[in-house]
């Protein structure tokens, strides 16, 4: 019984992820690839640097090289004012990136967090900064 539950849960989770990232013409991989072509601005003046990209619903992309003395991606982005959100039982829920708000309840939009083009398996508030990695938030609808 326990094994069937976990199998069903894994299938449901995979199906949900596929459904979220397909349709509506929003191919996340293509949107992230296009963002890599954007020239990045420099922000901060510390030793550890990572690339941060933001993509909105209209596929407008912005990028920064964030130099920080922080160890966690979320801490660095909060410090430089690129993200905002609400802290709850599951950590930081990002509601705004670079001044653009997402509101799932009002218009079915939310910010998805990616690491090197892959959906992050950790939240931005617990993801350790790794030099040379690219972190991104993509405004997603659905």
N, C-alpha and C. Protein backbone atom coordinates (compact mmCIF):
# COMPACT_ATOMS: atom_id res chain seq x y z
N UNK A 1 0.83 -1.19 0.00
CA UNK A 1 0.00 0.00 0.00
C UNK A 1 0.87 1.25 0.00
N UNK A 2 1.88 1.28 0.87
CA UNK A 2 2.76 2.43 0.98
C UNK A 2 3.50 2.69 -0.34
N UNK A 3 3.97 1.62 -0.96
CA UNK A 3 4.69 1.74 -2.22
C UNK A 3 3.78 2.29 -3.32
N UNK A 4 2.54 1.83 -3.37
CA UNK A 4 1.59 2.31 -4.37
C UNK A 4 1.33 3.81 -4.18
N UNK A 5 1.21 4.24 -2.93
CA UNK A 5 0.98 5.65 -2.65
C UNK A 5 2.13 6.50 -3.19
N UNK A 6 3.37 6.09 -2.88
CA UNK A 6 4.52 6.87 -3.33
C UNK A 6 4.65 6.84 -4.85
N UNK A 7 4.33 5.72 -5.49
CA UNK A 7 4.35 5.62 -6.94
C UNK A 7 3.31 6.56 -7.54
N UNK A 8 2.11 6.53 -7.00
CA UNK A 8 1.04 7.40 -7.48
C UNK A 8 1.40 8.86 -7.27
N UNK A 9 2.00 9.15 -6.13
CA UNK A 9 2.41 10.52 -5.84
C UNK A 9 3.46 10.99 -6.83
N UNK A 10 4.44 10.15 -7.14
CA UNK A 10 5.50 10.51 -8.09
C UNK A 10 4.92 10.75 -9.48
N UNK A 11 3.99 9.90 -9.90
CA UNK A 11 3.37 10.08 -11.22
C UNK A 11 2.56 11.36 -11.25
N UNK A 12 1.79 11.62 -10.21
CA UNK A 12 0.99 12.84 -10.14
C UNK A 12 1.89 14.08 -10.16
N UNK A 13 2.98 14.05 -9.42
CA UNK A 13 3.91 15.18 -9.38
C UNK A 13 4.51 15.43 -10.76
N UNK A 14 4.95 14.37 -11.42
CA UNK A 14 5.53 14.51 -12.77
C UNK A 14 4.50 15.04 -13.75
N UNK A 15 3.28 14.52 -13.69
CA UNK A 15 2.22 14.99 -14.58
C UNK A 15 1.93 16.47 -14.35
N UNK A 16 1.85 16.88 -13.10
CA UNK A 16 1.60 18.28 -12.78
C UNK A 16 2.69 19.17 -13.33
N UNK A 17 3.95 18.77 -13.17
CA UNK A 17 5.06 19.57 -13.69
C UNK A 17 4.99 19.69 -15.20
N UNK A 18 4.71 18.61 -15.89
CA UNK A 18 4.60 18.65 -17.35
C UNK A 18 3.47 19.57 -17.77
N UNK A 19 2.34 19.47 -17.11
CA UNK A 19 1.19 20.31 -17.46
C UNK A 19 1.47 21.79 -17.21
N UNK A 20 2.20 22.08 -16.14
CA UNK A 20 2.50 23.47 -15.81
C UNK A 20 3.42 24.10 -16.85
N UNK A 21 4.34 23.33 -17.40
CA UNK A 21 5.33 23.89 -18.30
C UNK A 21 5.05 23.63 -19.76
N UNK A 22 3.90 23.08 -20.07
CA UNK A 22 3.52 22.91 -21.46
C UNK A 22 2.30 23.77 -21.72
N UNK A 23 2.04 24.04 -22.95
CA UNK A 23 0.86 24.82 -23.29
C UNK A 23 1.10 26.30 -23.15
N UNK A 24 0.11 27.06 -23.57
CA UNK A 24 0.13 28.52 -23.51
C UNK A 24 1.31 29.12 -24.25
N UNK A 25 2.02 28.36 -25.07
CA UNK A 25 3.12 28.89 -25.84
C UNK A 25 4.33 29.28 -25.02
N UNK A 26 4.35 28.96 -23.75
CA UNK A 26 5.45 29.36 -22.89
C UNK A 26 6.43 28.20 -22.70
N UNK A 27 7.35 28.05 -23.62
CA UNK A 27 8.34 27.01 -23.49
C UNK A 27 9.46 27.54 -22.60
N UNK A 28 9.52 27.06 -21.37
CA UNK A 28 10.46 27.57 -20.38
C UNK A 28 11.90 27.43 -20.85
N UNK A 29 12.25 26.30 -21.44
CA UNK A 29 13.63 26.08 -21.88
C UNK A 29 14.03 27.12 -22.92
N UNK A 30 13.15 27.41 -23.88
CA UNK A 30 13.45 28.42 -24.89
C UNK A 30 13.56 29.80 -24.27
N UNK A 31 12.70 30.09 -23.31
CA UNK A 31 12.75 31.39 -22.64
C UNK A 31 14.06 31.56 -21.88
N UNK A 32 14.51 30.49 -21.21
CA UNK A 32 15.77 30.56 -20.47
C UNK A 32 16.96 30.67 -21.42
N UNK A 33 16.93 29.96 -22.55
CA UNK A 33 18.01 30.06 -23.53
C UNK A 33 18.13 31.49 -24.05
N UNK A 34 17.00 32.12 -24.34
CA UNK A 34 17.01 33.49 -24.84
C UNK A 34 17.59 34.46 -23.80
N UNK A 35 17.34 34.20 -22.54
CA UNK A 35 17.84 35.08 -21.47
C UNK A 35 19.36 35.05 -21.39
N UNK A 36 19.96 33.94 -21.78
CA UNK A 36 21.42 33.83 -21.72
C UNK A 36 22.11 34.78 -22.69
N UNK A 37 21.37 35.26 -23.68
CA UNK A 37 21.92 36.19 -24.67
C UNK A 37 21.91 37.64 -24.16
N UNK A 38 21.22 37.88 -23.07
CA UNK A 38 21.08 39.24 -22.53
C UNK A 38 22.37 39.64 -21.82
N UNK A 39 22.82 40.85 -22.11
CA UNK A 39 24.01 41.37 -21.43
C UNK A 39 23.65 41.68 -19.98
N UNK A 40 24.49 41.23 -19.08
CA UNK A 40 24.21 41.37 -17.64
C UNK A 40 24.85 42.64 -17.09
N UNK A 41 24.11 43.26 -16.17
CA UNK A 41 24.62 44.40 -15.41
C UNK A 41 25.34 43.87 -14.18
N UNK A 42 26.30 44.61 -13.67
CA UNK A 42 27.00 44.23 -12.44
C UNK A 42 26.34 44.91 -11.26
N UNK A 43 26.15 44.15 -10.19
CA UNK A 43 25.58 44.69 -8.96
C UNK A 43 26.34 44.08 -7.78
N UNK A 44 26.72 44.90 -6.83
CA UNK A 44 27.49 44.43 -5.68
C UNK A 44 28.98 44.56 -5.92
N UNK A 45 29.75 44.27 -4.87
CA UNK A 45 31.20 44.45 -4.97
C UNK A 45 31.97 43.46 -4.08
N UNK A 46 31.50 42.24 -4.01
CA UNK A 46 32.14 41.25 -3.16
C UNK A 46 32.83 40.18 -4.00
N UNK A 47 33.34 39.14 -3.36
CA UNK A 47 34.14 38.13 -4.05
C UNK A 47 33.33 37.05 -4.75
N UNK A 48 32.19 36.68 -4.22
CA UNK A 48 31.40 35.61 -4.82
C UNK A 48 30.41 36.22 -5.82
N UNK A 49 30.43 35.70 -7.05
CA UNK A 49 29.58 36.25 -8.11
C UNK A 49 28.78 35.14 -8.77
N UNK A 50 27.52 35.44 -9.05
CA UNK A 50 26.68 34.52 -9.82
C UNK A 50 25.82 35.33 -10.78
N UNK A 51 25.38 34.67 -11.85
CA UNK A 51 24.50 35.32 -12.81
C UNK A 51 23.06 35.09 -12.38
N UNK A 52 22.27 36.15 -12.45
CA UNK A 52 20.86 36.09 -12.11
C UNK A 52 20.05 36.64 -13.27
N UNK A 53 19.06 35.86 -13.71
CA UNK A 53 18.23 36.24 -14.85
C UNK A 53 16.76 36.31 -14.42
N UNK A 54 16.02 37.22 -15.05
CA UNK A 54 14.60 37.39 -14.79
C UNK A 54 13.89 37.44 -16.15
N UNK A 55 12.83 36.65 -16.27
CA UNK A 55 12.06 36.63 -17.51
C UNK A 55 10.59 36.83 -17.16
N UNK A 56 9.96 37.82 -17.81
CA UNK A 56 8.55 38.07 -17.53
C UNK A 56 7.66 37.32 -18.53
N UNK A 57 6.35 37.52 -18.44
CA UNK A 57 5.42 36.80 -19.29
C UNK A 57 5.55 37.15 -20.77
N UNK A 58 6.04 38.35 -21.05
CA UNK A 58 6.23 38.78 -22.44
C UNK A 58 7.60 38.40 -22.97
N UNK A 59 8.32 37.54 -22.23
CA UNK A 59 9.66 37.07 -22.59
C UNK A 59 10.72 38.17 -22.58
N UNK A 60 10.43 39.26 -21.89
CA UNK A 60 11.47 40.27 -21.66
C UNK A 60 12.41 39.70 -20.62
N UNK A 61 13.70 39.79 -20.90
CA UNK A 61 14.70 39.22 -19.99
C UNK A 61 15.68 40.29 -19.55
N UNK A 62 16.06 40.21 -18.30
CA UNK A 62 17.10 41.06 -17.72
C UNK A 62 18.07 40.14 -17.00
N UNK A 63 19.32 40.60 -16.87
CA UNK A 63 20.32 39.77 -16.19
C UNK A 63 21.28 40.64 -15.42
N UNK A 64 21.80 40.06 -14.34
CA UNK A 64 22.79 40.73 -13.49
C UNK A 64 23.88 39.73 -13.13
N UNK A 65 25.07 40.25 -12.91
CA UNK A 65 26.10 39.50 -12.20
C UNK A 65 26.07 40.05 -10.79
N UNK A 66 25.62 39.23 -9.85
CA UNK A 66 25.47 39.64 -8.46
C UNK A 66 26.73 39.23 -7.72
N UNK A 67 27.44 40.22 -7.20
CA UNK A 67 28.63 39.97 -6.38
C UNK A 67 28.22 40.17 -4.93
N UNK A 68 28.49 39.18 -4.10
CA UNK A 68 27.94 39.19 -2.75
C UNK A 68 28.90 38.59 -1.73
N UNK A 69 28.63 38.87 -0.48
CA UNK A 69 29.32 38.20 0.62
C UNK A 69 28.37 37.22 1.32
N UNK A 70 27.18 37.03 0.76
CA UNK A 70 26.19 36.10 1.31
C UNK A 70 26.49 34.68 0.83
N UNK A 71 25.94 33.69 1.51
CA UNK A 71 26.12 32.29 1.14
C UNK A 71 24.90 31.68 0.46
N UNK A 72 23.74 32.31 0.63
CA UNK A 72 22.47 31.80 0.13
C UNK A 72 21.96 32.73 -0.97
N UNK A 73 21.48 32.15 -2.07
CA UNK A 73 21.00 32.93 -3.21
C UNK A 73 19.92 33.92 -2.77
N UNK A 74 18.94 33.44 -2.03
CA UNK A 74 17.85 34.31 -1.58
C UNK A 74 18.33 35.47 -0.74
N UNK A 75 19.28 35.22 0.15
CA UNK A 75 19.81 36.31 0.99
C UNK A 75 20.47 37.37 0.13
N UNK A 76 21.24 36.94 -0.87
CA UNK A 76 21.92 37.89 -1.76
C UNK A 76 20.91 38.71 -2.56
N UNK A 77 19.89 38.04 -3.10
CA UNK A 77 18.90 38.74 -3.92
C UNK A 77 18.03 39.67 -3.09
N UNK A 78 17.69 39.27 -1.87
CA UNK A 78 16.96 40.16 -0.97
C UNK A 78 17.80 41.37 -0.62
N UNK A 79 19.07 41.16 -0.35
CA UNK A 79 19.97 42.24 0.05
C UNK A 79 20.08 43.32 -1.02
N UNK A 80 20.17 42.91 -2.29
CA UNK A 80 20.31 43.89 -3.37
C UNK A 80 18.95 44.36 -3.89
N UNK A 81 17.86 43.86 -3.31
CA UNK A 81 16.53 44.34 -3.65
C UNK A 81 15.93 43.78 -4.93
N UNK A 82 16.43 42.65 -5.40
CA UNK A 82 15.90 42.08 -6.64
C UNK A 82 14.70 41.17 -6.42
N UNK A 83 14.50 40.68 -5.19
CA UNK A 83 13.32 39.87 -4.89
C UNK A 83 12.67 40.34 -3.60
N UNK A 84 11.39 40.00 -3.46
CA UNK A 84 10.64 40.24 -2.22
C UNK A 84 9.63 39.11 -2.09
N UNK A 85 9.20 38.87 -0.88
CA UNK A 85 8.22 37.81 -0.69
C UNK A 85 7.76 37.71 0.73
N UNK A 86 7.05 36.63 0.99
CA UNK A 86 6.49 36.37 2.31
C UNK A 86 7.11 35.10 2.88
N UNK A 87 7.47 35.16 4.15
CA UNK A 87 8.02 33.98 4.82
C UNK A 87 6.89 33.25 5.51
N UNK A 88 6.81 31.95 5.24
CA UNK A 88 5.77 31.11 5.84
C UNK A 88 6.38 29.83 6.37
N UNK A 89 5.54 28.87 6.62
CA UNK A 89 5.97 27.59 7.17
C UNK A 89 6.95 26.86 6.26
N UNK A 90 6.88 27.12 4.96
CA UNK A 90 7.76 26.44 4.01
C UNK A 90 8.90 27.32 3.52
N UNK A 91 9.14 28.43 4.20
CA UNK A 91 10.24 29.32 3.82
C UNK A 91 9.74 30.53 3.05
N UNK A 92 10.65 31.13 2.27
CA UNK A 92 10.33 32.34 1.52
C UNK A 92 9.54 32.01 0.27
N UNK A 93 8.37 32.62 0.14
CA UNK A 93 7.57 32.51 -1.07
C UNK A 93 7.75 33.82 -1.83
N UNK A 94 8.46 33.76 -2.95
CA UNK A 94 8.79 34.96 -3.72
C UNK A 94 7.55 35.44 -4.45
N UNK A 95 7.17 36.69 -4.18
CA UNK A 95 5.99 37.28 -4.79
C UNK A 95 6.35 38.39 -5.78
N UNK A 96 7.59 38.87 -5.70
CA UNK A 96 8.00 39.98 -6.56
C UNK A 96 9.46 39.81 -6.94
N UNK A 97 9.75 40.00 -8.24
CA UNK A 97 11.11 39.94 -8.74
C UNK A 97 11.34 41.17 -9.60
N UNK A 98 12.38 41.94 -9.26
CA UNK A 98 12.73 43.16 -9.98
C UNK A 98 11.53 44.10 -10.13
N UNK A 99 10.71 44.17 -9.10
CA UNK A 99 9.57 45.08 -9.10
C UNK A 99 8.32 44.54 -9.77
N UNK A 100 8.37 43.34 -10.33
CA UNK A 100 7.21 42.74 -11.00
C UNK A 100 6.57 41.73 -10.05
N UNK A 101 5.31 41.99 -9.72
CA UNK A 101 4.60 41.12 -8.78
C UNK A 101 3.89 39.98 -9.50
N UNK A 102 3.86 38.84 -8.85
CA UNK A 102 3.06 37.70 -9.30
C UNK A 102 1.96 37.49 -8.27
N UNK A 103 0.79 37.09 -8.73
CA UNK A 103 -0.32 36.87 -7.82
C UNK A 103 -1.16 35.72 -8.35
N UNK A 104 -0.91 34.54 -7.83
CA UNK A 104 -1.61 33.36 -8.31
C UNK A 104 -3.11 33.46 -8.08
N UNK A 105 -3.51 33.98 -6.95
CA UNK A 105 -4.94 34.07 -6.62
C UNK A 105 -5.67 35.00 -7.58
N UNK A 106 -5.02 36.08 -7.99
CA UNK A 106 -5.69 37.07 -8.85
C UNK A 106 -5.60 36.74 -10.34
N UNK A 107 -4.40 36.29 -10.78
CA UNK A 107 -4.23 36.10 -12.23
C UNK A 107 -3.43 34.85 -12.60
N UNK A 108 -3.33 33.91 -11.70
CA UNK A 108 -2.65 32.63 -11.96
C UNK A 108 -1.19 32.78 -12.36
N UNK A 109 -0.49 33.76 -11.82
CA UNK A 109 0.94 33.90 -12.11
C UNK A 109 1.75 33.61 -10.86
N UNK A 110 2.96 33.08 -11.09
CA UNK A 110 3.87 32.78 -9.99
C UNK A 110 5.29 32.79 -10.53
N UNK A 111 6.25 33.01 -9.65
CA UNK A 111 7.66 33.04 -10.01
C UNK A 111 8.27 31.65 -9.82
N UNK A 112 8.78 31.06 -10.89
CA UNK A 112 9.44 29.76 -10.83
C UNK A 112 10.94 29.99 -10.73
N UNK A 113 11.60 29.23 -9.87
CA UNK A 113 13.04 29.38 -9.60
C UNK A 113 13.81 28.28 -10.34
N UNK A 114 14.86 28.69 -11.06
CA UNK A 114 15.67 27.77 -11.85
C UNK A 114 17.15 27.91 -11.52
N UNK A 115 17.86 26.79 -11.64
CA UNK A 115 19.31 26.77 -11.47
C UNK A 115 19.90 26.15 -12.73
N UNK A 116 20.73 26.92 -13.43
CA UNK A 116 21.35 26.45 -14.68
C UNK A 116 20.32 25.86 -15.64
N UNK A 117 19.18 26.52 -15.77
CA UNK A 117 18.17 26.10 -16.72
C UNK A 117 17.25 24.99 -16.29
N UNK A 118 17.44 24.47 -15.10
CA UNK A 118 16.60 23.40 -14.57
C UNK A 118 15.79 23.91 -13.39
N UNK A 119 14.55 23.44 -13.30
CA UNK A 119 13.71 23.81 -12.16
C UNK A 119 14.42 23.44 -10.87
N UNK A 120 14.52 24.40 -9.97
CA UNK A 120 15.23 24.17 -8.71
C UNK A 120 14.47 23.17 -7.84
N UNK A 121 15.23 22.33 -7.17
CA UNK A 121 14.65 21.37 -6.24
C UNK A 121 14.68 21.89 -4.81
N UNK A 122 15.23 23.09 -4.64
CA UNK A 122 15.28 23.75 -3.34
C UNK A 122 14.74 25.16 -3.50
N UNK A 123 14.31 25.74 -2.40
CA UNK A 123 13.84 27.12 -2.43
C UNK A 123 15.01 28.08 -2.49
N UNK A 124 14.75 29.27 -2.99
CA UNK A 124 15.80 30.28 -3.12
C UNK A 124 16.40 30.64 -1.76
N UNK A 125 15.62 30.48 -0.69
CA UNK A 125 16.08 30.86 0.64
C UNK A 125 16.94 29.79 1.31
N UNK A 126 17.12 28.65 0.66
CA UNK A 126 18.00 27.60 1.20
C UNK A 126 19.02 27.11 0.17
N UNK A 127 19.07 27.76 -0.98
CA UNK A 127 19.99 27.35 -2.04
C UNK A 127 21.33 28.04 -1.85
N UNK A 128 22.37 27.23 -1.65
CA UNK A 128 23.72 27.77 -1.50
C UNK A 128 24.21 28.34 -2.82
N UNK A 129 24.89 29.46 -2.75
CA UNK A 129 25.49 30.06 -3.94
C UNK A 129 26.68 29.22 -4.37
N UNK A 130 26.71 28.89 -5.64
CA UNK A 130 27.85 28.20 -6.22
C UNK A 130 28.40 29.08 -7.34
N UNK A 131 29.65 29.47 -7.20
CA UNK A 131 30.31 30.33 -8.18
C UNK A 131 30.13 29.75 -9.58
N UNK A 132 29.77 30.60 -10.53
CA UNK A 132 29.65 30.18 -11.92
C UNK A 132 28.27 29.67 -12.31
N UNK A 133 27.40 29.46 -11.35
CA UNK A 133 26.04 29.00 -11.68
C UNK A 133 25.16 30.17 -12.08
N UNK A 134 24.10 29.85 -12.83
CA UNK A 134 23.12 30.86 -13.21
C UNK A 134 21.81 30.52 -12.51
N UNK A 135 21.28 31.50 -11.80
CA UNK A 135 20.00 31.36 -11.11
C UNK A 135 19.01 32.26 -11.83
N UNK A 136 17.77 31.82 -11.92
CA UNK A 136 16.77 32.60 -12.66
C UNK A 136 15.40 32.47 -12.01
N UNK A 137 14.62 33.53 -12.19
CA UNK A 137 13.20 33.49 -11.89
C UNK A 137 12.47 33.76 -13.19
N UNK A 138 11.47 32.91 -13.47
CA UNK A 138 10.67 33.03 -14.67
C UNK A 138 9.23 33.22 -14.24
N UNK A 139 8.62 34.32 -14.69
CA UNK A 139 7.22 34.54 -14.38
C UNK A 139 6.40 33.55 -15.21
N UNK A 140 5.57 32.79 -14.53
CA UNK A 140 4.87 31.68 -15.14
C UNK A 140 3.37 31.86 -14.93
N UNK A 141 2.61 31.46 -15.90
CA UNK A 141 1.16 31.56 -15.82
C UNK A 141 0.55 30.17 -16.00
N UNK A 142 -0.44 29.88 -15.20
CA UNK A 142 -1.09 28.59 -15.40
C UNK A 142 -1.55 27.92 -14.18
